[in-house]
Structures are given as C-alpha cells and as structure tokens.
Amino acid sequence: MDELQNSVGSEKNEKEQIEKSGLIAEFSYDNTLDETDGAMKSFQKRFGKNRGRISIIAYGLLLAAIIVGVIFSGGALPLYFALAFCAFGLFYTATDKKRTRNRVIKALDGMPPEEYKCAVYPEKIEIETIIKPKVNEVELDIDSDKDKESLTPLKTVFKFGEDLLNFSENEESLLLIFNRRQIYCFPKRCLTTDQEDAVRDFLTEKLESN
C-alpha cells in the first residue's frame, strides 16, 4: 500500500515539476530496428505513395499495351525485349520502398547503439543523442594518467513556426518528421500514458495550426 502511494506521489510531483518548468513532456528513449522500420513504412505511406503509385500505374499500362502488341503482331522480337524491360521496371518500382528500408536497417545494424532524450516545450523541441558503446566493445585504458575523453551529447533543436515539421503516428510510435526527409521515432513503450497523451495532443494541435 505504501509503495503504491509513493508511486502515485512520485508521478504527481514529476507532473507538477514539468508544469512549473514550462515543459509539455520530457522522456528518454531508444529505437529498435523494428520500430525504425515501422517508422519508415509510415513515412513512405504518407509522403511517397503518390509517386510510387503513378510509376506502377504507368508501367502497368505500358506492359498491358505491349502484351496486346505481342498478341496481334505475331510475336515480334523487339516487343519481347520491351515486355521484359517493362516487367522489370514494374517489379523494381513495386519493391523500391522495401529495398530502401532494408538498406537503412542494414546500415543501422552495424552502428553503435544510441539513446535519446526529448524535451517538448511550447515553442520548441529539443532532442539529445547519446552514443553508447556496443555490448561487445572493450575499453582499453592504455594511459591511466590521461583523462578520459567524454562524449558530449549532440543536441538538435526544432522551433515551431520556423522548421517544417509534421506529426504522424503508428501502433508502436509517435513520429516527428522534419523537412519531410528525417524521422524522429518516439516509441510508446518508452513513454508513460500521460506523456504519450500530452505529446500526441500537443503536436497534433501545434503542427496542424502551422
């Protein structure tokens, strides 16, 4: 009973501190490869669907026209080359988004893990990136008298009204999109229910008003 009261009291104190500081929400998070893949899928559906759809329709119509030509021409050799070319173009276009995601995931899989800290204010969003050593990395202290170099977190600041920002959401994450090119993925597993609701409601209202 005491533990439950302490937990409720701690959450209440944290909420009061956030309100006094002007923060909408503050939280730490990391991203799994599955969450990153899901974020890219959501981005592609929102911003890349028209271009891909037009290309697929164009290749499909051209492919159909060539097939008709092959049937009525008696199988002219140049038409078979055109048929193969269009079939390859259609396949390549239809699978382009998946190949793009696979390339990104493969690159991220070989990079050191990162942790992030996000602070959402009424006028801006601050995101700090902290690079962690890999689990199998060993630190060698060659010179014990030499001060160890500390890695300063990289801070990125987005200002409402100045930066092109979009907000989206999928089942796993809240998504902040910068310049329709970069995705910042806030996994829901890393946020409390109050934080998730506060960030969602604020960004939806703030970014829709811009």
Protein backbone atom coordinates (compact mmCIF):
# COMPACT_ATOMS: atom_id res chain seq x y z
CA MET A 1 0.00 0.00 0.00
CA ASP A 2 2.81 2.37 0.94
CA GLU A 3 4.65 1.55 -2.30
CA LEU A 4 1.53 2.38 -4.32
CA GLN A 5 1.10 5.70 -2.51
CA ASN A 6 4.77 6.55 -3.02
CA SER A 7 4.48 5.75 -6.74
CA VAL A 8 1.38 7.93 -7.13
CA GLY A 9 3.05 10.71 -5.17
CA SER A 10 6.19 10.48 -7.30
CA GLU A 11 4.19 10.74 -10.55
CA LYS A 12 2.27 13.72 -9.15
CA ASN A 13 5.47 15.51 -8.14
CA GLU A 14 7.01 14.84 -11.56
CA LYS A 15 3.92 16.26 -13.28
CA GLU A 16 3.99 19.39 -11.08
CA GLN A 17 7.70 19.94 -11.82
CA ILE A 18 7.08 19.65 -15.57
CA GLU A 19 4.22 22.15 -15.42
CA LYS A 20 6.33 24.65 -13.45
CA SER A 21 9.28 24.41 -15.86
CA GLY A 22 7.09 25.05 -18.92
CA LEU A 23 7.70 21.59 -20.32
CA ILE A 24 4.96 19.75 -22.15
CA ALA A 25 6.80 16.45 -21.62
CA GLU A 26 10.32 15.10 -21.13
CA PHE A 27 11.41 11.50 -21.66
CA SER A 28 14.32 9.25 -22.65
CA TYR A 29 14.04 6.65 -25.36
CA ASP A 30 15.83 4.36 -27.79
CA ASN A 31 14.80 2.73 -31.08
CA THR A 32 14.76 -0.91 -32.07
CA LEU A 33 15.28 -1.88 -35.71
CA ASP A 34 11.64 -3.00 -35.94
CA GLU A 35 10.44 0.38 -34.67
CA THR A 36 12.67 2.18 -37.16
CA ASP A 37 11.35 0.01 -39.99
CA GLY A 38 7.78 0.75 -38.90
CA ALA A 39 8.50 4.47 -38.79
CA MET A 40 9.86 4.39 -42.34
CA LYS A 41 6.80 2.48 -43.54
CA SER A 42 4.52 5.15 -42.05
CA PHE A 43 6.62 7.88 -43.67
CA GLN A 44 6.50 6.20 -47.08
CA LYS A 45 2.73 5.76 -46.89
CA ARG A 46 2.24 9.42 -46.09
CA PHE A 47 4.77 11.14 -48.35
CA GLY A 48 5.78 8.61 -51.01
CA LYS A 49 2.56 6.92 -52.02
CA ASN A 50 1.62 9.18 -54.95
CA ARG A 51 4.97 8.95 -56.74
CA GLY A 52 5.17 5.18 -56.40
CA ARG A 53 1.54 4.68 -57.38
CA ILE A 54 1.90 6.78 -60.54
CA SER A 55 5.02 4.85 -61.61
CA ILE A 56 3.35 1.49 -61.01
CA ILE A 57 0.25 2.53 -62.98
CA ALA A 58 2.39 3.82 -65.85
CA TYR A 59 4.47 0.64 -66.06
CA GLY A 60 1.32 -1.48 -65.75
CA LEU A 61 -0.45 0.28 -68.62
CA LEU A 62 2.64 0.12 -70.80
CA LEU A 63 3.08 -3.57 -70.00
CA ALA A 64 -0.54 -4.26 -70.94
CA ALA A 65 -0.14 -2.36 -74.22
CA ILE A 66 2.99 -4.33 -75.12
CA ILE A 67 1.26 -7.64 -74.34
CA VAL A 68 -1.54 -6.67 -76.71
CA GLY A 69 1.07 -5.74 -79.32
CA VAL A 70 2.79 -9.10 -78.94
CA ILE A 71 -0.50 -10.94 -79.40
CA PHE A 72 -1.56 -9.06 -82.55
CA SER A 73 1.89 -8.78 -84.12
CA GLY A 74 2.59 -12.47 -84.03
CA GLY A 75 5.45 -12.14 -81.54
CA ALA A 76 7.89 -9.57 -82.95
CA LEU A 77 11.26 -9.87 -81.17
CA PRO A 78 11.61 -6.16 -80.22
CA LEU A 79 8.29 -6.35 -78.39
CA TYR A 80 9.59 -9.18 -76.25
CA PHE A 81 12.54 -7.03 -75.20
CA ALA A 82 10.13 -4.19 -74.38
CA LEU A 83 7.95 -6.63 -72.46
CA ALA A 84 10.90 -7.81 -70.35
CA PHE A 85 12.02 -4.22 -69.73
CA CYS A 86 8.57 -3.12 -68.53
CA ALA A 87 8.14 -6.20 -66.36
CA PHE A 88 11.48 -5.48 -64.68
CA GLY A 89 10.59 -1.79 -64.25
CA LEU A 90 7.26 -2.69 -62.67
CA PHE A 91 8.89 -5.13 -60.24
CA TYR A 92 11.70 -2.68 -59.38
CA THR A 93 9.27 0.15 -58.69
CA ALA A 94 6.91 -2.00 -56.63
CA THR A 95 9.76 -3.20 -54.37
CA ASP A 96 11.73 0.06 -54.20
CA LYS A 97 10.36 1.16 -50.81
CA LYS A 98 11.21 -2.16 -49.20
CA ARG A 99 14.76 -2.10 -50.60
CA THR A 100 15.23 1.42 -49.25
CA ARG A 101 14.14 0.34 -45.76
CA ASN A 102 16.39 -2.73 -45.89
CA ARG A 103 19.42 -0.59 -46.78
CA VAL A 104 18.77 1.76 -43.87
CA ILE A 105 18.17 -1.08 -41.40
CA LYS A 106 21.36 -2.84 -42.52
CA ALA A 107 23.36 0.37 -42.03
CA LEU A 108 21.86 0.99 -38.57
CA ASP A 109 22.50 -2.59 -37.51
CA GLY A 110 26.24 -2.00 -37.80
CA MET A 111 26.27 1.30 -35.91
CA PRO A 112 26.84 1.84 -32.17
CA PRO A 113 23.59 1.92 -30.18
CA GLU A 114 22.15 5.33 -29.37
CA GLU A 115 19.92 6.70 -26.66
CA TYR A 116 17.92 9.90 -26.88
CA LYS A 117 16.40 12.43 -24.53
CA CYS A 118 13.49 14.53 -25.76
CA ALA A 119 12.07 17.68 -24.18
CA VAL A 120 8.92 19.23 -25.66
CA TYR A 121 8.35 22.92 -24.91
CA PRO A 122 5.55 25.23 -26.10
CA GLU A 123 7.88 26.86 -28.64
CA LYS A 124 10.42 24.13 -29.46
CA ILE A 125 11.52 20.50 -29.24
CA GLU A 126 14.98 19.53 -28.02
CA ILE A 127 16.44 16.08 -28.77
CA GLU A 128 19.76 14.94 -27.35
CA THR A 129 21.56 12.00 -28.97
CA ILE A 130 23.83 9.89 -26.75
CA ILE A 131 26.01 7.28 -28.45
CA LYS A 132 26.67 4.21 -26.31
CA PRO A 133 29.46 1.64 -26.76
CA LYS A 134 28.40 -1.72 -28.17
CA VAL A 135 27.91 -4.58 -25.74
CA ASN A 136 30.91 -6.49 -27.10
CA GLU A 137 33.24 -3.47 -27.13
CA VAL A 138 36.08 -3.44 -24.59
CA GLU A 139 37.57 -0.17 -23.33
CA LEU A 140 41.37 -0.31 -23.04
CA ASP A 141 42.89 2.11 -20.52
CA ILE A 142 46.38 2.46 -22.05
CA ASP A 143 47.38 5.59 -20.13
CA SER A 144 45.83 5.71 -16.68
CA ASP A 145 47.18 9.23 -16.09
CA LYS A 146 45.44 10.62 -19.16
CA ASP A 147 41.97 11.99 -18.65
CA LYS A 148 39.33 10.02 -20.44
CA GLU A 149 37.59 11.94 -23.17
CA SER A 150 33.86 12.25 -22.59
CA LEU A 151 31.42 12.34 -25.45
CA THR A 152 29.15 15.39 -25.33
CA PRO A 153 25.59 14.55 -26.38
CA LEU A 154 24.52 16.03 -29.68
CA LYS A 155 21.53 18.33 -29.23
CA THR A 156 19.08 19.10 -32.03
CA VAL A 157 16.54 21.89 -31.61
CA PHE A 158 13.37 22.28 -33.69
CA LYS A 159 11.40 25.52 -33.43
CA PHE A 160 7.71 25.65 -34.19
CA GLY A 161 6.90 28.13 -36.94
CA GLU A 162 10.48 28.10 -38.28
CA ASP A 163 11.15 24.46 -39.12
CA LEU A 164 9.00 22.33 -41.42
CA LEU A 165 7.61 19.72 -39.04
CA ASN A 166 4.92 17.08 -39.43
CA PHE A 167 3.43 14.73 -36.87
CA SER A 168 2.33 11.17 -37.51
CA GLU A 169 1.65 8.02 -35.52
CA ASN A 170 1.61 4.26 -35.89
CA GLU A 171 0.86 1.42 -33.49
CA GLU A 172 4.33 1.43 -31.95
CA SER A 173 5.45 5.06 -32.00
CA LEU A 174 4.77 8.77 -32.20
CA LEU A 175 6.63 10.22 -35.19
CA LEU A 176 8.13 13.68 -35.67
CA ILE A 177 9.02 14.35 -39.32
CA PHE A 178 11.48 17.11 -40.24
CA ASN A 179 11.53 18.62 -43.76
CA ARG A 180 9.66 15.53 -44.99
CA ARG A 181 13.01 13.72 -45.03
CA GLN A 182 14.06 12.87 -41.47
CA ILE A 183 12.02 10.83 -38.98
CA TYR A 184 12.30 11.00 -35.21
CA CYS A 185 10.63 7.96 -33.67
CA PHE A 186 9.30 8.16 -30.09
CA PRO A 187 8.38 4.59 -29.06
CA LYS A 188 5.25 4.39 -26.94
CA ARG A 189 6.92 1.75 -24.75
CA CYS A 190 9.29 4.49 -23.50
CA LEU A 191 6.53 6.94 -22.54
CA THR A 192 4.03 6.85 -19.73
CA THR A 193 0.35 7.11 -20.66
CA ASP A 194 0.28 10.75 -19.55
CA GLN A 195 3.40 11.58 -21.57
CA GLU A 196 2.06 9.85 -24.67
CA ASP A 197 -1.27 11.70 -24.46
CA ALA A 198 0.43 15.04 -23.76
CA VAL A 199 2.86 14.76 -26.70
CA ARG A 200 0.20 13.49 -29.11
CA ASP A 201 -2.36 16.17 -28.22
CA PHE A 202 0.19 18.99 -28.24
CA LEU A 203 1.91 18.08 -31.52
CA THR A 204 -1.38 17.42 -33.29
CA GLU A 205 -2.71 20.84 -32.33
CA LYS A 206 0.60 22.69 -32.76
CA LEU A 207 1.55 21.30 -36.14
CA GLU A 208 -1.96 21.43 -37.58
CA SER A 209 -2.07 25.14 -36.71
CA ASN A 210 1.09 25.75 -38.74
